[in-house]
């Protein structure tokens, strides 16, 4: 059941537009206090049931968003280098 829920939430997130994803990521970073170590392993967060195309979309979107957050913070962000 947990695996199914993980895939369902994952699918909803990658189906969202970049503005919605960015808002989610900003909320997450704010909630963790800007500690970049909490997003360092983002490549490992896709559910095991995800197809390769879903994984690639997730990674591409998230790396784009991380760069936007870095740029939005004047290049000084707690998010890791991609």
C-alpha atoms as a PDB file:
ATOM      1  CA  UNK A   1       0.000   0.000   0.000  1.00  0.00           C
ATOM      2  CA  UNK A   2       2.823   2.419   0.855  1.00  0.00           C
ATOM      3  CA  UNK A   3       4.585   1.682  -2.445  1.00  0.00           C
ATOM      4  CA  UNK A   4       1.350   2.371  -4.337  1.00  0.00           C
ATOM      5  CA  UNK A   5       0.830   5.648  -2.451  1.00  0.00           C
ATOM      6  CA  UNK A   6       4.426   6.705  -3.142  1.00  0.00           C
ATOM      7  CA  UNK A   7       3.989   6.099  -6.861  1.00  0.00           C
ATOM      8  CA  UNK A   8       0.640   7.901  -6.874  1.00  0.00           C
ATOM      9  CA  UNK A   9       2.064  11.037  -5.199  1.00  0.00           C
ATOM     10  CA  UNK A  10       5.151  10.870  -7.423  1.00  0.00           C
ATOM     11  CA  UNK A  11       2.978  10.664 -10.545  1.00  0.00           C
ATOM     12  CA  UNK A  12       0.870  13.611  -9.407  1.00  0.00           C
ATOM     13  CA  UNK A  13       3.987  15.704  -8.746  1.00  0.00           C
ATOM     14  CA  UNK A  14       5.628  15.025 -12.110  1.00  0.00           C
ATOM     15  CA  UNK A  15       2.263  15.728 -13.748  1.00  0.00           C
ATOM     16  CA  UNK A  16       2.188  19.189 -12.159  1.00  0.00           C
ATOM     17  CA  UNK A  17       3.510  22.199 -14.021  1.00  0.00           C
ATOM     18  CA  UNK A  18       6.878  23.708 -13.061  1.00  0.00           C
ATOM     19  CA  UNK A  19       5.272  26.609 -11.175  1.00  0.00           C
ATOM     20  CA  UNK A  20       3.400  24.178  -8.905  1.00  0.00           C
ATOM     21  CA  UNK A  21       6.485  22.016  -8.476  1.00  0.00           C
ATOM     22  CA  UNK A  22       8.562  25.093  -7.636  1.00  0.00           C
ATOM     23  CA  UNK A  23       6.038  26.163  -4.992  1.00  0.00           C
ATOM     24  CA  UNK A  24       6.156  22.654  -3.485  1.00  0.00           C
ATOM     25  CA  UNK A  25       9.955  22.649  -3.443  1.00  0.00           C
ATOM     26  CA  UNK A  26      10.106  26.132  -1.906  1.00  0.00           C
ATOM     27  CA  UNK A  27       7.674  25.016   0.816  1.00  0.00           C
ATOM     28  CA  UNK A  28       9.787  21.938   1.463  1.00  0.00           C
ATOM     29  CA  UNK A  29      13.068  23.862   1.648  1.00  0.00           C
ATOM     30  CA  UNK A  30      11.472  26.436   3.944  1.00  0.00           C
ATOM     31  CA  UNK A  31      10.047  23.678   6.189  1.00  0.00           C
ATOM     32  CA  UNK A  32      13.457  22.042   6.575  1.00  0.00           C
ATOM     33  CA  UNK A  33      15.075  25.388   7.308  1.00  0.00           C
ATOM     34  CA  UNK A  34      17.034  25.570   4.049  1.00  0.00           C
ATOM     35  CA  UNK A  35      19.235  22.598   4.945  1.00  0.00           C
ATOM     36  CA  UNK A  36      20.464  21.345   1.574  1.00  0.00           C
ATOM     37  CA  UNK A  37      21.484  17.948   2.893  1.00  0.00           C
ATOM     38  CA  UNK A  38      17.808  17.013   2.949  1.00  0.00           C
ATOM     39  CA  UNK A  39      17.578  17.221  -0.851  1.00  0.00           C
ATOM     40  CA  UNK A  40      21.027  15.831  -1.689  1.00  0.00           C
ATOM     41  CA  UNK A  41      19.740  12.369  -2.510  1.00  0.00           C
ATOM     42  CA  UNK A  42      16.807  13.465  -4.653  1.00  0.00           C
ATOM     43  CA  UNK A  43      17.835  11.093  -7.435  1.00  0.00           C
ATOM     44  CA  UNK A  44      17.056   8.166  -5.127  1.00  0.00           C
ATOM     45  CA  UNK A  45      13.552   9.331  -4.225  1.00  0.00           C
ATOM     46  CA  UNK A  46      11.651   8.070  -7.264  1.00  0.00           C
ATOM     47  CA  UNK A  47       9.540   5.039  -6.403  1.00  0.00           C
ATOM     48  CA  UNK A  48      10.896   1.680  -7.551  1.00  0.00           C
ATOM     49  CA  UNK A  49       7.752   1.216  -9.659  1.00  0.00           C
ATOM     50  CA  UNK A  50       8.437   4.371 -11.707  1.00  0.00           C
ATOM     51  CA  UNK A  51       9.198   3.912 -15.386  1.00  0.00           C
ATOM     52  CA  UNK A  52      12.493   5.253 -16.719  1.00  0.00           C
ATOM     53  CA  UNK A  53      10.749   8.089 -18.577  1.00  0.00           C
ATOM     54  CA  UNK A  54       9.090   9.155 -15.297  1.00  0.00           C
ATOM     55  CA  UNK A  55      12.431   9.083 -13.484  1.00  0.00           C
ATOM     56  CA  UNK A  56      14.043  11.212 -16.175  1.00  0.00           C
ATOM     57  CA  UNK A  57      11.200  13.745 -16.102  1.00  0.00           C
ATOM     58  CA  UNK A  58      11.442  13.927 -12.307  1.00  0.00           C
ATOM     59  CA  UNK A  59      15.221  14.434 -12.356  1.00  0.00           C
ATOM     60  CA  UNK A  60      15.074  17.021 -15.145  1.00  0.00           C
ATOM     61  CA  UNK A  61      12.299  18.985 -13.455  1.00  0.00           C
ATOM     62  CA  UNK A  62      13.924  18.868 -10.027  1.00  0.00           C
ATOM     63  CA  UNK A  63      17.366  19.884 -11.310  1.00  0.00           C
ATOM     64  CA  UNK A  64      15.768  22.786 -13.187  1.00  0.00           C
ATOM     65  CA  UNK A  65      13.952  23.861 -10.036  1.00  0.00           C
ATOM     66  CA  UNK A  66      17.070  23.593  -7.898  1.00  0.00           C
ATOM     67  CA  UNK A  67      18.877  25.873 -10.342  1.00  0.00           C
ATOM     68  CA  UNK A  68      15.968  28.334 -10.240  1.00  0.00           C
ATOM     69  CA  UNK A  69      16.122  28.365  -6.445  1.00  0.00           C
ATOM     70  CA  UNK A  70      19.881  28.930  -6.529  1.00  0.00           C
ATOM     71  CA  UNK A  71      19.455  31.758  -9.029  1.00  0.00           C
ATOM     72  CA  UNK A  72      16.572  33.237  -7.042  1.00  0.00           C
ATOM     73  CA  UNK A  73      18.786  33.364  -3.969  1.00  0.00           C
ATOM     74  CA  UNK A  74      21.559  35.238  -5.760  1.00  0.00           C
ATOM     75  CA  UNK A  75      23.546  32.052  -6.241  1.00  0.00           C
ATOM     76  CA  UNK A  76      23.799  31.447  -2.500  1.00  0.00           C
ATOM     77  CA  UNK A  77      21.522  28.580  -1.639  1.00  0.00           C
ATOM     78  CA  UNK A  78      21.594  25.632   0.691  1.00  0.00           C
ATOM     79  CA  UNK A  79      20.572  23.308  -2.114  1.00  0.00           C
ATOM     80  CA  UNK A  80      23.285  20.970  -3.421  1.00  0.00           C
ATOM     81  CA  UNK A  81      25.081  21.205  -6.708  1.00  0.00           C
ATOM     82  CA  UNK A  82      23.380  19.052  -9.315  1.00  0.00           C
END
